[in-house]
Amino acid sequence: MEYNDEKIKYYLKNILTIPSPSGFTEKVMDYIKEELHILNVPYFITNKGAVVITLEGKNKDYERVFSAHIDTLGAMVKSIKSNGTLSFVPVGGFMMNSIEGENCTIETLDGRKITGTIQSIKPSVHISGDEARELKRVPENMEIVIDEKVFSKEDTQKLGIDVGDFVCFSTRTAFTPSGFVKSRHLDDKASAAIILYAIKYLVENSIELPYTTSFFISNYEEVGHGASAALPKNIKEFISVDMGAPGLDQNSSEYAVCICAKDSSGPYDLELRKKLVNICKEQNIPYKIDIYPHYGSDASAALRAGWDIKTALIGTGVFASHGYERTHMEGILSTLDLIIKYCQTE
C-alpha cells in the first residue's frame, strides 16, 4: 500500500518542533486541532486537554481506540541560585547524563522565552579534572546556565524567571537521506504523526470501518495518567501506539513495528496480540515481538484506572529511548500499515 512519506515527515517535523513537556502541551494540541480542522474531522477535548477523534463504523457498540501521547520529557525550575543559574527537577523519567550539555528554553508564566544550557556544576575538566568526570549526574549536581548577563538571583528574577517555569529541551530534529529520523521526543511524537496521517488516510480514502474507531491523543502519559479517564464509553479494545525499544538483549528493531507482549504493568491481551501478529504475517508487514521490563503506556494507565478493556502496545522501534532518540521511516511506515489494516479487520 502506498503512503505519502513526505506528508508523514511534515506532520512529524511540525510536532517535534513544538515544545510540549507534560503539563505544558497546549501549543502542540492547538497544532493537532488545526490539522484536524483541515481534514474536517470531528473531535472533542477532554477536561484534561486530551484530543479524541472518532470515526464512525458499522458496529457502534464495540469501539476500538488507538492512542498516542503528545507530551514529552522536560524539566521545571526548582530554584534560582545565588549566582543566577537555575536548579531544576525532571518532568518524566530520564538519565541526567542524557541532557548534559543540551540547549534548552525556559518559558515564563507571561510567555517570555529565555534560552540556556544544561550543565553539571563542574562542567570543565580544565578546572575540576577527575572531579568533573566522576561527579554523579543527579539533579542536585546539575544546573541551567541561562543565556543572559546575570550575576545574582535578583538579576535572573528581573527576567521574569520563577520557580515552576517549564524547561523545554532542544530536539535537534534531523531526517537523513538513508531514512533515519533523529530527535528528542520521538517517544511519542512519531506515533502522534503516524496517527494523524492514519486519520487523514482513512478519511480521504473513504475506508469503511467495521467498528467505530477513536484516536486518543493524550497529554499526560509521561507522568502516568494520560489515558486514565475520558475514554469512549463503548471501548472494548485499546491499542497504545507508543514505541518499541531496541537495545541490548532486546528483539525490537527500528525497521519494523514492535508489538509488546509484556511490560512493567504485566502482559498485554493475548488475543489482541495474536490478531496484530496475524495481520503482520498476512500483509507482509515487518514486525518484532518484545518485552520491556521498565516501561508503561497509556494502556497501562487505563487498566490501572479500572477500565474493562483488552489492551495492546505497538510502535516503531526507537533507539536510545528517553535520550537523543532515533528511528527509521521503515519502522514508522510498518506501524502505520498495521494501524490501517487493523482498522479494516473485523
C-alpha atoms as a PDB file:
ATOM      1  CA  MET A   1       0.000   0.000   0.000  1.00  0.00           C
ATOM      2  CA  GLU A   2       1.325   3.422  -0.955  1.00  0.00           C
ATOM      3  CA  TYR A   3       1.639   6.093   1.694  1.00  0.00           C
ATOM      4  CA  ASN A   4       2.916   9.662   1.363  1.00  0.00           C
ATOM      5  CA  ASP A   5       6.261   9.632   3.201  1.00  0.00           C
ATOM      6  CA  GLU A   6       6.690  13.372   2.849  1.00  0.00           C
ATOM      7  CA  LYS A   7       3.337  14.123   4.479  1.00  0.00           C
ATOM      8  CA  ILE A   8       4.228  11.923   7.437  1.00  0.00           C
ATOM      9  CA  LYS A   9       7.569  13.735   7.758  1.00  0.00           C
ATOM     10  CA  TYR A  10       5.726  17.065   7.520  1.00  0.00           C
ATOM     11  CA  TYR A  11       3.482  16.150  10.445  1.00  0.00           C
ATOM     12  CA  LEU A  12       6.402  14.731  12.411  1.00  0.00           C
ATOM     13  CA  LYS A  13       8.693  17.734  11.946  1.00  0.00           C
ATOM     14  CA  ASN A  14       5.942  20.148  12.967  1.00  0.00           C
ATOM     15  CA  ILE A  15       5.004  18.151  16.056  1.00  0.00           C
ATOM     16  CA  LEU A  16       8.606  17.617  17.138  1.00  0.00           C
ATOM     17  CA  THR A  17       9.480  21.306  16.940  1.00  0.00           C
ATOM     18  CA  ILE A  18       6.635  22.458  19.206  1.00  0.00           C
ATOM     19  CA  PRO A  19       7.802  22.091  22.833  1.00  0.00           C
ATOM     20  CA  SER A  20       5.402  20.066  24.988  1.00  0.00           C
ATOM     21  CA  PRO A  21       6.685  18.598  28.251  1.00  0.00           C
ATOM     22  CA  SER A  22       3.917  17.050  30.379  1.00  0.00           C
ATOM     23  CA  GLY A  23       1.782  19.859  31.773  1.00  0.00           C
ATOM     24  CA  PHE A  24       2.795  22.269  29.003  1.00  0.00           C
ATOM     25  CA  THR A  25       1.074  20.846  25.918  1.00  0.00           C
ATOM     26  CA  GLU A  26      -1.460  23.480  24.886  1.00  0.00           C
ATOM     27  CA  LYS A  27       0.506  24.729  21.859  1.00  0.00           C
ATOM     28  CA  VAL A  28       1.081  21.313  20.331  1.00  0.00           C
ATOM     29  CA  MET A  29      -2.548  20.379  20.947  1.00  0.00           C
ATOM     30  CA  ASP A  30      -3.542  23.554  19.087  1.00  0.00           C
ATOM     31  CA  TYR A  31      -1.460  22.327  16.164  1.00  0.00           C
ATOM     32  CA  ILE A  32      -3.183  18.933  16.217  1.00  0.00           C
ATOM     33  CA  LYS A  33      -6.559  20.676  16.205  1.00  0.00           C
ATOM     34  CA  GLU A  34      -5.512  22.862  13.251  1.00  0.00           C
ATOM     35  CA  GLU A  35      -4.643  19.776  11.198  1.00  0.00           C
ATOM     36  CA  LEU A  36      -7.921  18.095  12.169  1.00  0.00           C
ATOM     37  CA  HIS A  37      -9.818  21.191  11.014  1.00  0.00           C
ATOM     38  CA  ILE A  38      -8.053  20.927   7.642  1.00  0.00           C
ATOM     39  CA  LEU A  39      -9.166  17.285   7.416  1.00  0.00           C
ATOM     40  CA  ASN A  40     -12.691  18.301   8.503  1.00  0.00           C
ATOM     41  CA  VAL A  41     -12.652  15.576  11.136  1.00  0.00           C
ATOM     42  CA  PRO A  42     -14.840  15.859  14.262  1.00  0.00           C
ATOM     43  CA  TYR A  43     -13.138  15.739  17.647  1.00  0.00           C
ATOM     44  CA  PHE A  44     -13.672  16.756  21.234  1.00  0.00           C
ATOM     45  CA  ILE A  45     -11.392  17.943  24.006  1.00  0.00           C
ATOM     46  CA  THR A  46     -11.426  16.223  27.377  1.00  0.00           C
ATOM     47  CA  ASN A  47     -11.423  18.218  30.591  1.00  0.00           C
ATOM     48  CA  LYS A  48      -7.705  17.402  30.999  1.00  0.00           C
ATOM     49  CA  GLY A  49      -6.939  18.612  27.489  1.00  0.00           C
ATOM     50  CA  ALA A  50      -6.619  15.384  25.509  1.00  0.00           C
ATOM     51  CA  VAL A  51      -7.979  15.278  21.957  1.00  0.00           C
ATOM     52  CA  VAL A  52     -10.344  12.457  20.935  1.00  0.00           C
ATOM     53  CA  ILE A  53     -11.184  11.862  17.276  1.00  0.00           C
ATOM     54  CA  THR A  54     -13.968   9.388  16.435  1.00  0.00           C
ATOM     55  CA  LEU A  55     -14.623   7.769  13.045  1.00  0.00           C
ATOM     56  CA  GLU A  56     -17.958   6.001  12.919  1.00  0.00           C
ATOM     57  CA  GLY A  57     -18.061   2.324  11.923  1.00  0.00           C
ATOM     58  CA  LYS A  58     -20.778  -0.227  11.194  1.00  0.00           C
ATOM     59  CA  ASN A  59     -20.754  -1.544  14.761  1.00  0.00           C
ATOM     60  CA  LYS A  60     -21.186   1.373  17.149  1.00  0.00           C
ATOM     61  CA  ASP A  61     -21.456  -0.755  20.296  1.00  0.00           C
ATOM     62  CA  TYR A  62     -17.960  -2.225  20.029  1.00  0.00           C
ATOM     63  CA  GLU A  63     -15.376   0.539  19.871  1.00  0.00           C
ATOM     64  CA  ARG A  64     -11.674   0.415  19.184  1.00  0.00           C
ATOM     65  CA  VAL A  65      -9.325   3.097  20.458  1.00  0.00           C
ATOM     66  CA  PHE A  66      -5.791   3.874  19.311  1.00  0.00           C
ATOM     67  CA  SER A  67      -3.760   6.210  21.500  1.00  0.00           C
ATOM     68  CA  ALA A  68      -0.596   8.250  21.134  1.00  0.00           C
ATOM     69  CA  HIS A  69       0.773  10.780  23.574  1.00  0.00           C
ATOM     70  CA  ILE A  70       1.939  14.234  22.656  1.00  0.00           C
ATOM     71  CA  ASP A  71       3.558  15.115  25.995  1.00  0.00           C
ATOM     72  CA  THR A  72       7.301  14.687  26.378  1.00  0.00           C
ATOM     73  CA  LEU A  73      10.102  14.733  28.883  1.00  0.00           C
ATOM     74  CA  GLY A  74      11.247  18.087  30.177  1.00  0.00           C
ATOM     75  CA  ALA A  75      12.040  19.911  33.395  1.00  0.00           C
ATOM     76  CA  MET A  76      10.813  22.605  35.740  1.00  0.00           C
ATOM     77  CA  VAL A  77      12.694  25.345  37.568  1.00  0.00           C
ATOM     78  CA  LYS A  78      13.162  24.383  41.210  1.00  0.00           C
ATOM     79  CA  SER A  79      15.111  27.406  42.444  1.00  0.00           C
ATOM     80  CA  ILE A  80      17.243  30.329  41.360  1.00  0.00           C
ATOM     81  CA  LYS A  81      20.769  30.113  42.735  1.00  0.00           C
ATOM     82  CA  SER A  82      22.733  32.997  44.209  1.00  0.00           C
ATOM     83  CA  ASN A  83      24.872  33.279  41.054  1.00  0.00           C
ATOM     84  CA  GLY A  84      21.818  33.447  38.759  1.00  0.00           C
ATOM     85  CA  THR A  85      21.870  29.867  37.465  1.00  0.00           C
ATOM     86  CA  LEU A  86      18.857  27.577  37.861  1.00  0.00           C
ATOM     87  CA  SER A  87      18.372  24.294  39.641  1.00  0.00           C
ATOM     88  CA  PHE A  88      15.657  22.095  38.171  1.00  0.00           C
ATOM     89  CA  VAL A  89      13.655  18.918  38.625  1.00  0.00           C
ATOM     90  CA  PRO A  90      12.817  16.417  35.865  1.00  0.00           C
ATOM     91  CA  VAL A  91       9.399  16.091  34.278  1.00  0.00           C
ATOM     92  CA  GLY A  92       9.247  12.421  33.310  1.00  0.00           C
ATOM     93  CA  GLY A  93      11.950   9.813  33.721  1.00  0.00           C
ATOM     94  CA  PHE A  94      15.341  10.242  32.063  1.00  0.00           C
ATOM     95  CA  MET A  95      19.040   9.982  32.872  1.00  0.00           C
ATOM     96  CA  MET A  96      20.753  13.252  33.764  1.00  0.00           C
ATOM     97  CA  ASN A  97      23.728  12.433  31.542  1.00  0.00           C
ATOM     98  CA  SER A  98      21.378  12.309  28.537  1.00  0.00           C
ATOM     99  CA  ILE A  99      20.650  16.049  28.818  1.00  0.00           C
ATOM    100  CA  GLU A 100      24.087  17.286  29.913  1.00  0.00           C
ATOM    101  CA  GLY A 101      25.309  19.948  27.507  1.00  0.00           C
ATOM    102  CA  GLU A 102      21.865  20.256  25.895  1.00  0.00           C
ATOM    103  CA  ASN A 103      20.408  23.580  24.879  1.00  0.00           C
ATOM    104  CA  CYS A 104      17.049  24.413  26.408  1.00  0.00           C
ATOM    105  CA  THR A 105      14.406  27.112  26.667  1.00  0.00           C
ATOM    106  CA  ILE A 106      12.723  28.359  29.829  1.00  0.00           C
ATOM    107  CA  GLU A 107       9.237  29.756  29.296  1.00  0.00           C
ATOM    108  CA  THR A 108       7.968  32.127  31.966  1.00  0.00           C
ATOM    109  CA  LEU A 109       4.358  32.455  33.113  1.00  0.00           C
ATOM    110  CA  ASP A 110       3.954  35.577  30.999  1.00  0.00           C
ATOM    111  CA  GLY A 111       5.222  33.756  27.891  1.00  0.00           C
ATOM    112  CA  ARG A 112       8.775  35.070  27.699  1.00  0.00           C
ATOM    113  CA  LYS A 113      11.316  32.576  26.318  1.00  0.00           C
ATOM    114  CA  ILE A 114      14.859  32.540  27.684  1.00  0.00           C
ATOM    115  CA  THR A 115      17.453  30.125  26.352  1.00  0.00           C
ATOM    116  CA  GLY A 116      20.132  28.327  28.299  1.00  0.00           C
ATOM    117  CA  THR A 117      22.325  25.250  28.513  1.00  0.00           C
ATOM    118  CA  ILE A 118      22.087  22.325  30.928  1.00  0.00           C
ATOM    119  CA  GLN A 119      25.434  21.650  32.592  1.00  0.00           C
ATOM    120  CA  SER A 120      26.851  19.877  35.599  1.00  0.00           C
ATOM    121  CA  ILE A 121      28.005  22.100  38.445  1.00  0.00           C
ATOM    122  CA  LYS A 122      31.578  21.134  37.461  1.00  0.00           C
ATOM    123  CA  PRO A 123      31.422  21.365  33.681  1.00  0.00           C
ATOM    124  CA  SER A 124      35.114  21.937  32.923  1.00  0.00           C
ATOM    125  CA  VAL A 125      37.856  19.293  33.156  1.00  0.00           C
ATOM    126  CA  HIS A 126      40.395  22.124  32.960  1.00  0.00           C
ATOM    127  CA  ILE A 127      39.119  23.372  36.306  1.00  0.00           C
ATOM    128  CA  SER A 128      37.900  20.239  38.107  1.00  0.00           C
ATOM    129  CA  GLY A 129      39.806  17.436  36.374  1.00  0.00           C
ATOM    130  CA  ASP A 130      38.718  13.977  37.546  1.00  0.00           C
ATOM    131  CA  GLU A 131      36.174  15.538  39.905  1.00  0.00           C
ATOM    132  CA  ALA A 132      34.283  16.718  36.817  1.00  0.00           C
ATOM    133  CA  ARG A 133      34.453  13.274  35.225  1.00  0.00           C
ATOM    134  CA  GLU A 134      33.441  11.411  38.374  1.00  0.00           C
ATOM    135  CA  LEU A 135      30.691  13.771  39.543  1.00  0.00           C
ATOM    136  CA  LYS A 136      27.440  11.842  39.921  1.00  0.00           C
ATOM    137  CA  ARG A 137      24.880  13.032  37.393  1.00  0.00           C
ATOM    138  CA  VAL A 138      21.875  13.656  39.629  1.00  0.00           C
ATOM    139  CA  PRO A 139      19.563  16.708  39.670  1.00  0.00           C
ATOM    140  CA  GLU A 140      21.321  18.350  42.612  1.00  0.00           C
ATOM    141  CA  ASN A 141      24.603  18.286  40.662  1.00  0.00           C
ATOM    142  CA  MET A 142      23.089  19.833  37.533  1.00  0.00           C
ATOM    143  CA  GLU A 143      22.047  23.365  36.666  1.00  0.00           C
ATOM    144  CA  ILE A 144      20.857  25.565  33.826  1.00  0.00           C
ATOM    145  CA  VAL A 145      23.182  28.383  32.762  1.00  0.00           C
ATOM    146  CA  ILE A 146      20.926  30.958  31.091  1.00  0.00           C
ATOM    147  CA  ASP A 147      21.975  32.976  28.059  1.00  0.00           C
ATOM    148  CA  GLU A 148      21.649  36.329  29.755  1.00  0.00           C
ATOM    149  CA  LYS A 149      24.171  38.570  31.516  1.00  0.00           C
ATOM    150  CA  VAL A 150      23.283  37.712  35.113  1.00  0.00           C
ATOM    151  CA  PHE A 151      25.409  37.606  38.256  1.00  0.00           C
ATOM    152  CA  SER A 152      22.869  37.132  41.023  1.00  0.00           C
ATOM    153  CA  LYS A 153      19.496  35.654  41.920  1.00  0.00           C
ATOM    154  CA  GLU A 154      17.985  39.126  41.631  1.00  0.00           C
ATOM    155  CA  ASP A 155      19.330  39.560  38.082  1.00  0.00           C
ATOM    156  CA  THR A 156      17.597  36.347  36.990  1.00  0.00           C
ATOM    157  CA  GLN A 157      14.363  37.206  38.772  1.00  0.00           C
ATOM    158  CA  LYS A 158      14.244  40.512  36.867  1.00  0.00           C
ATOM    159  CA  LEU A 159      13.982  38.462  33.664  1.00  0.00           C
ATOM    160  CA  GLY A 160      10.689  37.045  34.939  1.00  0.00           C
ATOM    161  CA  ILE A 161      12.008  33.541  35.649  1.00  0.00           C
ATOM    162  CA  ASP A 162      10.415  31.897  38.681  1.00  0.00           C
ATOM    163  CA  VAL A 163      10.044  28.548  40.386  1.00  0.00           C
ATOM    164  CA  GLY A 164       7.716  26.281  38.385  1.00  0.00           C
ATOM    165  CA  ASP A 165       8.607  27.608  34.949  1.00  0.00           C
ATOM    166  CA  PHE A 166       8.814  24.867  32.343  1.00  0.00           C
ATOM    167  CA  VAL A 167      12.119  23.922  30.740  1.00  0.00           C
ATOM    168  CA  CYS A 168      11.973  22.531  27.183  1.00  0.00           C
ATOM    169  CA  PHE A 169      14.897  20.632  25.675  1.00  0.00           C
ATOM    170  CA  SER A 170      16.252  21.316  22.198  1.00  0.00           C
ATOM    171  CA  THR A 171      15.080  18.440  19.970  1.00  0.00           C
ATOM    172  CA  ARG A 172      17.852  18.567  17.320  1.00  0.00           C
ATOM    173  CA  THR A 173      15.472  17.030  14.791  1.00  0.00           C
ATOM    174  CA  ALA A 174      17.102  15.601  11.654  1.00  0.00           C
ATOM    175  CA  PHE A 175      15.907  13.493   8.714  1.00  0.00           C
ATOM    176  CA  THR A 176      18.754  11.649   6.992  1.00  0.00           C
ATOM    177  CA  PRO A 177      18.908  10.644   3.290  1.00  0.00           C
ATOM    178  CA  SER A 178      19.112   6.999   4.423  1.00  0.00           C
ATOM    179  CA  GLY A 179      15.683   7.174   6.063  1.00  0.00           C
ATOM    180  CA  PHE A 180      16.581   7.718   9.708  1.00  0.00           C
ATOM    181  CA  VAL A 181      14.810  10.211  11.933  1.00  0.00           C
ATOM    182  CA  LYS A 182      16.912  11.540  14.815  1.00  0.00           C
ATOM    183  CA  SER A 183      15.372  13.702  17.513  1.00  0.00           C
ATOM    184  CA  ARG A 184      14.440  14.018  21.106  1.00  0.00           C
ATOM    185  CA  HIS A 185      10.836  13.077  21.848  1.00  0.00           C
ATOM    186  CA  LEU A 186      10.241  10.529  19.093  1.00  0.00           C
ATOM    187  CA  ASP A 187       8.645   8.912  22.136  1.00  0.00           C
ATOM    188  CA  ASP A 188       5.885   9.511  21.359  1.00  0.00           C
ATOM    189  CA  LYS A 189       5.629  12.180  18.723  1.00  0.00           C
ATOM    190  CA  ALA A 190       6.468   9.672  15.999  1.00  0.00           C
ATOM    191  CA  SER A 191       3.253   7.855  16.923  1.00  0.00           C
ATOM    192  CA  ALA A 192       1.268  11.098  17.039  1.00  0.00           C
ATOM    193  CA  ALA A 193       2.361  11.846  13.467  1.00  0.00           C
ATOM    194  CA  ILE A 194       1.505   8.282  12.437  1.00  0.00           C
ATOM    195  CA  ILE A 195      -1.980   8.552  13.933  1.00  0.00           C
ATOM    196  CA  LEU A 196      -2.589  11.948  12.343  1.00  0.00           C
ATOM    197  CA  TYR A 197      -1.647  10.517   8.948  1.00  0.00           C
ATOM    198  CA  ALA A 198      -3.741   7.368   9.579  1.00  0.00           C
ATOM    199  CA  ILE A 199      -6.806   9.552  10.208  1.00  0.00           C
ATOM    200  CA  LYS A 200      -6.080  11.501   7.018  1.00  0.00           C
ATOM    201  CA  TYR A 201      -5.695   8.287   5.029  1.00  0.00           C
ATOM    202  CA  LEU A 202      -8.864   6.655   6.334  1.00  0.00           C
ATOM    203  CA  VAL A 203     -10.976   9.758   5.773  1.00  0.00           C
ATOM    204  CA  GLU A 204      -9.652  10.761   2.351  1.00  0.00           C
ATOM    205  CA  ASN A 205      -9.956   7.205   1.010  1.00  0.00           C
ATOM    206  CA  SER A 206     -13.473   6.789   2.480  1.00  0.00           C
ATOM    207  CA  ILE A 207     -12.469   3.499   4.085  1.00  0.00           C
ATOM    208  CA  GLU A 208     -15.416   1.696   5.663  1.00  0.00           C
ATOM    209  CA  LEU A 209     -14.704   0.626   9.231  1.00  0.00           C
ATOM    210  CA  PRO A 210     -16.290  -2.488  10.754  1.00  0.00           C
ATOM    211  CA  TYR A 211     -16.189  -0.901  14.213  1.00  0.00           C
ATOM    212  CA  THR A 212     -16.368   2.682  15.406  1.00  0.00           C
ATOM    213  CA  THR A 213     -12.755   3.687  15.904  1.00  0.00           C
ATOM    214  CA  SER A 214     -11.413   6.524  18.040  1.00  0.00           C
ATOM    215  CA  PHE A 215      -7.980   8.068  18.281  1.00  0.00           C
ATOM    216  CA  PHE A 216      -6.988   9.371  21.718  1.00  0.00           C
ATOM    217  CA  ILE A 217      -4.162  11.941  21.761  1.00  0.00           C
ATOM    218  CA  SER A 218      -3.151  12.091  25.406  1.00  0.00           C
ATOM    219  CA  ASN A 219      -1.128  14.762  27.153  1.00  0.00           C
ATOM    220  CA  TYR A 220      -0.022  13.263  30.485  1.00  0.00           C
ATOM    221  CA  GLU A 221       1.415   9.849  29.569  1.00  0.00           C
ATOM    222  CA  GLU A 222       4.970  10.577  30.698  1.00  0.00           C
ATOM    223  CA  VAL A 223       3.751  11.195  34.238  1.00  0.00           C
ATOM    224  CA  GLY A 224       1.488   8.146  34.323  1.00  0.00           C
ATOM    225  CA  HIS A 225      -2.144   9.230  33.999  1.00  0.00           C
ATOM    226  CA  GLY A 226      -2.645  10.164  30.347  1.00  0.00           C
ATOM    227  CA  ALA A 227      -5.454   7.779  29.383  1.00  0.00           C
ATOM    228  CA  SER A 228      -6.767   7.015  32.853  1.00  0.00           C
ATOM    229  CA  ALA A 229     -10.047   8.836  32.163  1.00  0.00           C
ATOM    230  CA  ALA A 230     -12.398  10.147  29.456  1.00  0.00           C
ATOM    231  CA  LEU A 231     -12.153   7.159  27.124  1.00  0.00           C
ATOM    232  CA  PRO A 232     -15.165   6.487  24.841  1.00  0.00           C
ATOM    233  CA  LYS A 233     -17.926   4.688  26.741  1.00  0.00           C
ATOM    234  CA  ASN A 234     -18.184   1.725  24.341  1.00  0.00           C
ATOM    235  CA  ILE A 235     -14.452   0.992  24.282  1.00  0.00           C
ATOM    236  CA  LYS A 236     -13.586  -2.697  24.127  1.00  0.00           C
ATOM    237  CA  GLU A 237     -10.078  -2.628  22.626  1.00  0.00           C
ATOM    238  CA  PHE A 238      -7.332  -0.160  23.449  1.00  0.00           C
ATOM    239  CA  ILE A 239      -4.162  -0.160  21.323  1.00  0.00           C
ATOM    240  CA  SER A 240      -1.454   2.147  22.626  1.00  0.00           C
ATOM    241  CA  VAL A 241       0.726   3.351  19.758  1.00  0.00           C
ATOM    242  CA  ASP A 242       3.929   4.232  21.528  1.00  0.00           C
ATOM    243  CA  MET A 243       7.363   2.805  20.738  1.00  0.00           C
ATOM    244  CA  GLY A 244       9.486  -0.293  20.669  1.00  0.00           C
ATOM    245  CA  ALA A 245      12.818  -0.174  22.484  1.00  0.00           C
ATOM    246  CA  PRO A 246      15.741  -1.674  20.533  1.00  0.00           C
ATOM    247  CA  GLY A 247      18.884  -2.255  22.540  1.00  0.00           C
ATOM    248  CA  LEU A 248      20.970  -4.739  24.467  1.00  0.00           C
ATOM    249  CA  ASP A 249      19.301  -8.179  24.566  1.00  0.00           C
ATOM    250  CA  GLN A 250      16.096  -6.816  23.014  1.00  0.00           C
ATOM    251  CA  ASN A 251      14.233  -8.144  19.965  1.00  0.00           C
ATOM    252  CA  SER A 252      12.928  -4.757  18.792  1.00  0.00           C
ATOM    253  CA  SER A 253      14.014  -3.031  15.592  1.00  0.00           C
ATOM    254  CA  GLU A 254      13.984   0.485  14.162  1.00  0.00           C
ATOM    255  CA  TYR A 255      12.905  -1.032  10.842  1.00  0.00           C
ATOM    256  CA  ALA A 256       9.707  -2.762  11.998  1.00  0.00           C
ATOM    257  CA  VAL A 257       6.558  -2.306  14.026  1.00  0.00           C
ATOM    258  CA  CYS A 258       7.255  -3.624  17.510  1.00  0.00           C
ATOM    259  CA  ILE A 259       4.494  -5.481  19.374  1.00  0.00           C
ATOM    260  CA  CYS A 260       4.877  -5.626  23.144  1.00  0.00           C
ATOM    261  CA  ALA A 261       3.969  -8.884  24.859  1.00  0.00           C
ATOM    262  CA  LYS A 262       4.606  -7.596  28.391  1.00  0.00           C
ATOM    263  CA  ASP A 263       5.900  -4.522  30.178  1.00  0.00           C
ATOM    264  CA  SER A 264       6.105  -3.400  33.817  1.00  0.00           C
ATOM    265  CA  SER A 265       2.298  -3.354  34.048  1.00  0.00           C
ATOM    266  CA  GLY A 266       2.049  -7.009  33.060  1.00  0.00           C
ATOM    267  CA  PRO A 267       1.125  -8.988  29.942  1.00  0.00           C
ATOM    268  CA  TYR A 268      -0.947  -7.346  27.235  1.00  0.00           C
ATOM    269  CA  ASP A 269      -4.039  -9.166  25.943  1.00  0.00           C
ATOM    270  CA  LEU A 270      -3.015 -12.364  24.180  1.00  0.00           C
ATOM    271  CA  GLU A 271      -5.979 -12.496  21.778  1.00  0.00           C
ATOM    272  CA  LEU A 272      -5.358  -8.933  20.663  1.00  0.00           C
ATOM    273  CA  ARG A 273      -1.642  -9.607  20.208  1.00  0.00           C
ATOM    274  CA  LYS A 274      -2.417 -12.654  18.054  1.00  0.00           C
ATOM    275  CA  LYS A 275      -4.669 -10.529  15.819  1.00  0.00           C
ATOM    276  CA  LEU A 276      -1.931  -7.953  15.338  1.00  0.00           C
ATOM    277  CA  VAL A 277       0.737 -10.568  14.615  1.00  0.00           C
ATOM    278  CA  ASN A 278      -1.515 -12.416  12.154  1.00  0.00           C
ATOM    279  CA  ILE A 279      -2.190  -9.218  10.226  1.00  0.00           C
ATOM    280  CA  CYS A 280       1.551  -8.581  10.005  1.00  0.00           C
ATOM    281  CA  LYS A 281       2.099 -12.108   8.692  1.00  0.00           C
ATOM    282  CA  GLU A 282      -0.764 -11.963   6.183  1.00  0.00           C
ATOM    283  CA  GLN A 283       0.117  -8.480   4.916  1.00  0.00           C
ATOM    284  CA  ASN A 284       3.913  -8.895   4.960  1.00  0.00           C
ATOM    285  CA  ILE A 285       4.369  -6.094   7.479  1.00  0.00           C
ATOM    286  CA  PRO A 286       7.798  -6.270   9.172  1.00  0.00           C
ATOM    287  CA  TYR A 287       7.252  -6.841  12.906  1.00  0.00           C
ATOM    288  CA  LYS A 288       9.028  -7.819  16.104  1.00  0.00           C
ATOM    289  CA  ILE A 289       7.616  -9.077  19.404  1.00  0.00           C
ATOM    290  CA  ASP A 290       9.389  -7.907  22.542  1.00  0.00           C
ATOM    291  CA  ILE A 291       9.212  -7.477  26.326  1.00  0.00           C
ATOM    292  CA  TYR A 292      10.059  -4.218  28.109  1.00  0.00           C
ATOM    293  CA  PRO A 293      10.698  -4.568  31.852  1.00  0.00           C
ATOM    294  CA  HIS A 294      10.961  -0.803  32.540  1.00  0.00           C
ATOM    295  CA  TYR A 295       8.032   0.506  30.523  1.00  0.00           C
ATOM    296  CA  GLY A 296       4.423   1.577  30.923  1.00  0.00           C
ATOM    297  CA  SER A 297       1.918   3.008  28.457  1.00  0.00           C
ATOM    298  CA  ASP A 298      -1.405   4.796  28.199  1.00  0.00           C
ATOM    299  CA  ALA A 299      -2.954   1.337  28.023  1.00  0.00           C
ATOM    300  CA  SER A 300      -1.349   0.592  31.400  1.00  0.00           C
ATOM    301  CA  ALA A 301      -2.856   3.798  32.817  1.00  0.00           C
ATOM    302  CA  ALA A 302      -6.310   2.853  31.519  1.00  0.00           C
ATOM    303  CA  LEU A 303      -6.114  -0.594  33.107  1.00  0.00           C
ATOM    304  CA  ARG A 304      -4.966   0.817  36.443  1.00  0.00           C
ATOM    305  CA  ALA A 305      -7.907   3.215  36.352  1.00  0.00           C
ATOM    306  CA  GLY A 306     -10.287   0.254  36.160  1.00  0.00           C
ATOM    307  CA  TRP A 307     -11.349   0.194  32.506  1.00  0.00           C
ATOM    308  CA  ASP A 308     -12.596  -3.254  31.430  1.00  0.00           C
ATOM    309  CA  ILE A 309     -10.720  -3.407  28.137  1.00  0.00           C
ATOM    310  CA  LYS A 310      -8.392  -5.553  26.090  1.00  0.00           C
ATOM    311  CA  THR A 311      -5.098  -3.794  25.525  1.00  0.00           C
ATOM    312  CA  ALA A 312      -2.128  -3.933  23.183  1.00  0.00           C
ATOM    313  CA  LEU A 313       1.031  -1.904  22.672  1.00  0.00           C
ATOM    314  CA  ILE A 314       2.697  -1.287  19.310  1.00  0.00           C
ATOM    315  CA  GLY A 315       5.104   1.235  17.813  1.00  0.00           C
ATOM    316  CA  THR A 316       8.143   1.828  15.688  1.00  0.00           C
ATOM    317  CA  GLY A 317      11.432   0.889  17.295  1.00  0.00           C
ATOM    318  CA  VAL A 318      13.034   3.936  18.952  1.00  0.00           C
ATOM    319  CA  PHE A 319      16.723   3.563  19.786  1.00  0.00           C
ATOM    320  CA  ALA A 320      18.122   5.290  22.910  1.00  0.00           C
ATOM    321  CA  SER A 321      14.649   5.924  24.319  1.00  0.00           C
ATOM    322  CA  HIS A 322      14.360   8.938  26.643  1.00  0.00           C
ATOM    323  CA  GLY A 323      17.671  10.219  25.290  1.00  0.00           C
ATOM    324  CA  TYR A 324      18.608  11.581  21.871  1.00  0.00           C
ATOM    325  CA  GLU A 325      16.466   9.087  20.021  1.00  0.00           C
ATOM    326  CA  ARG A 326      16.470   7.534  16.567  1.00  0.00           C
ATOM    327  CA  THR A 327      14.069   5.557  14.415  1.00  0.00           C
ATOM    328  CA  HIS A 328      13.700   4.772  10.717  1.00  0.00           C
ATOM    329  CA  MET A 329      10.953   5.503   8.205  1.00  0.00           C
ATOM    330  CA  GLU A 330      10.626   1.742   7.618  1.00  0.00           C
ATOM    331  CA  GLY A 331       9.510   1.305  11.228  1.00  0.00           C
ATOM    332  CA  ILE A 332       7.182   4.301  11.014  1.00  0.00           C
ATOM    333  CA  LEU A 333       5.570   3.005   7.811  1.00  0.00           C
ATOM    334  CA  SER A 334       5.250  -0.531   9.209  1.00  0.00           C
ATOM    335  CA  THR A 335       3.440   0.847  12.259  1.00  0.00           C
ATOM    336  CA  LEU A 336       1.162   2.954  10.060  1.00  0.00           C
ATOM    337  CA  ASP A 337       0.403  -0.019   7.825  1.00  0.00           C
ATOM    338  CA  LEU A 338      -0.559  -2.191  10.785  1.00  0.00           C
ATOM    339  CA  ILE A 339      -2.927   0.502  12.106  1.00  0.00           C
ATOM    340  CA  ILE A 340      -4.595   0.974   8.714  1.00  0.00           C
ATOM    341  CA  LYS A 341      -5.002  -2.770   8.186  1.00  0.00           C
ATOM    342  CA  TYR A 342      -6.253  -3.395  11.718  1.00  0.00           C
ATOM    343  CA  CYS A 343      -8.867  -0.647  11.397  1.00  0.00           C
ATOM    344  CA  GLN A 344     -10.374  -2.571   8.468  1.00  0.00           C
ATOM    345  CA  THR A 345     -10.291  -6.004  10.151  1.00  0.00           C
ATOM    346  CA  GLU A 346     -13.344  -7.472  11.874  1.00  0.00           C
END
